[in-house]
Amino acid sequence: RYKKNISTSEEGFGVDIIQDVEFRFVRKLLEEVQVYPEIGDIINYDDSYYEIDNINDTQYVAGQPYNSISILCNAHLTRISGLNIEEINANG
């Protein structure tokens, strides 16, 4: 879920875009593919990369621990240059 506030910073070597987002995952689907998000993981979404800052997996239905249905991840927009990820051009 995008937060509407996107800010910029002009410190250092140019303009940085600062954006915080919250990703919500269905716990059961993550368990099926044997994936669990961790702090520091990178999420590629909408042609941008986000680094997970915090994870909340205690969202219970009716306060029951066995009814935990989702995992919430707070993340921030990060630069691709700092990730050592190389985009592959499919056209050669």
Protein backbone atom coordinates (compact mmCIF):
# COMPACT_ATOMS: atom_id res chain seq x y z
CA ARG A 1 0.00 0.00 0.00
CA TYR A 2 1.56 3.25 -1.08
CA LYS A 3 1.66 6.14 1.31
CA LYS A 4 0.73 9.31 -0.51
CA ASN A 5 3.66 11.30 0.81
CA ILE A 6 6.66 11.03 -1.47
CA SER A 7 9.48 13.39 -0.65
CA THR A 8 12.81 14.24 -2.18
CA SER A 9 16.23 14.98 -0.78
CA GLU A 10 19.01 16.87 -2.54
CA GLU A 11 21.86 15.85 -0.25
CA GLY A 12 24.98 14.36 -1.78
CA PHE A 13 25.08 13.53 -5.48
CA GLY A 14 21.67 14.61 -6.76
CA VAL A 15 18.02 14.16 -5.98
CA ASP A 16 16.81 11.12 -4.03
CA ILE A 17 13.16 10.07 -3.96
CA ILE A 18 12.06 8.94 -0.51
CA GLN A 19 9.05 6.63 -0.36
CA ASP A 20 7.85 4.30 2.38
CA VAL A 21 5.43 1.49 1.57
CA GLU A 22 3.68 -1.35 3.34
CA PHE A 23 3.45 -4.74 1.64
CA ARG A 24 0.86 -7.24 2.87
CA PHE A 25 1.26 -10.94 2.20
CA VAL A 26 -1.16 -13.78 2.84
CA ARG A 27 0.64 -16.09 5.25
CA LYS A 28 -0.79 -19.30 3.77
CA LEU A 29 0.39 -18.42 0.25
CA LEU A 30 3.92 -17.70 1.50
CA GLU A 31 3.97 -21.01 3.36
CA GLU A 32 2.92 -22.85 0.18
CA VAL A 33 5.92 -21.51 -1.74
CA GLN A 34 8.17 -21.79 1.34
CA VAL A 35 9.09 -18.10 1.47
CA TYR A 36 9.30 -15.89 4.55
CA PRO A 37 10.29 -12.24 4.20
CA GLU A 38 13.16 -10.98 6.36
CA ILE A 39 14.50 -7.55 7.23
CA GLY A 40 16.89 -6.48 4.47
CA ASP A 41 15.15 -8.50 1.74
CA ILE A 42 14.47 -6.69 -1.54
CA ILE A 43 11.04 -6.57 -3.20
CA ASN A 44 10.76 -5.69 -6.89
CA TYR A 45 7.41 -3.98 -7.40
CA ASP A 46 6.19 -1.69 -10.17
CA ASP A 47 9.70 -1.33 -11.70
CA SER A 48 11.13 -0.17 -8.35
CA TYR A 49 13.08 -1.88 -5.58
CA TYR A 50 12.09 -1.72 -1.91
CA GLU A 51 14.12 -2.88 1.08
CA ILE A 52 12.22 -4.38 4.01
CA ASP A 53 12.76 -2.43 7.25
CA ASN A 54 10.30 -4.12 9.60
CA ILE A 55 8.05 -7.19 9.66
CA ASN A 56 4.84 -7.64 11.63
CA ASP A 57 3.53 -11.18 11.60
CA THR A 58 1.24 -10.91 14.62
CA GLN A 59 -1.93 -9.79 12.87
CA TYR A 60 -4.41 -12.16 14.49
CA VAL A 61 -8.07 -12.68 13.69
CA ALA A 62 -10.14 -12.41 16.90
CA GLY A 63 -6.90 -12.27 18.90
CA GLN A 64 -6.17 -15.95 18.29
CA PRO A 65 -2.51 -16.81 17.48
CA TYR A 66 -3.55 -19.78 15.34
CA ASN A 67 -5.61 -17.39 13.19
CA SER A 68 -2.66 -15.31 11.94
CA ILE A 69 -3.58 -14.67 8.33
CA SER A 70 -1.10 -12.12 7.03
CA ILE A 71 2.42 -10.74 7.24
CA LEU A 72 2.95 -6.98 6.99
CA CYS A 73 6.27 -5.62 5.74
CA ASN A 74 7.29 -1.98 6.01
CA ALA A 75 9.82 -1.06 3.35
CA HIS A 76 11.49 1.92 1.72
CA LEU A 77 12.40 2.71 -1.87
CA THR A 78 16.05 1.93 -2.50
CA ARG A 79 18.49 2.65 -5.32
CA ILE A 80 19.25 -0.19 -7.71
CA SER A 81 22.88 0.99 -7.92
CA GLY A 82 23.46 -0.02 -4.30
CA LEU A 83 22.02 -3.52 -4.74
CA ASN A 84 24.52 -5.01 -7.20
CA ILE A 85 21.65 -6.23 -9.37
CA GLU A 86 22.20 -6.20 -13.09
CA GLU A 87 19.17 -5.81 -15.32
CA ILE A 88 19.26 -8.26 -18.25
CA ASN A 89 18.24 -6.84 -21.60
CA ALA A 90 16.12 -9.43 -23.40
CA ASN A 91 16.77 -7.78 -26.78
CA GLY A 92 20.48 -8.45 -26.76
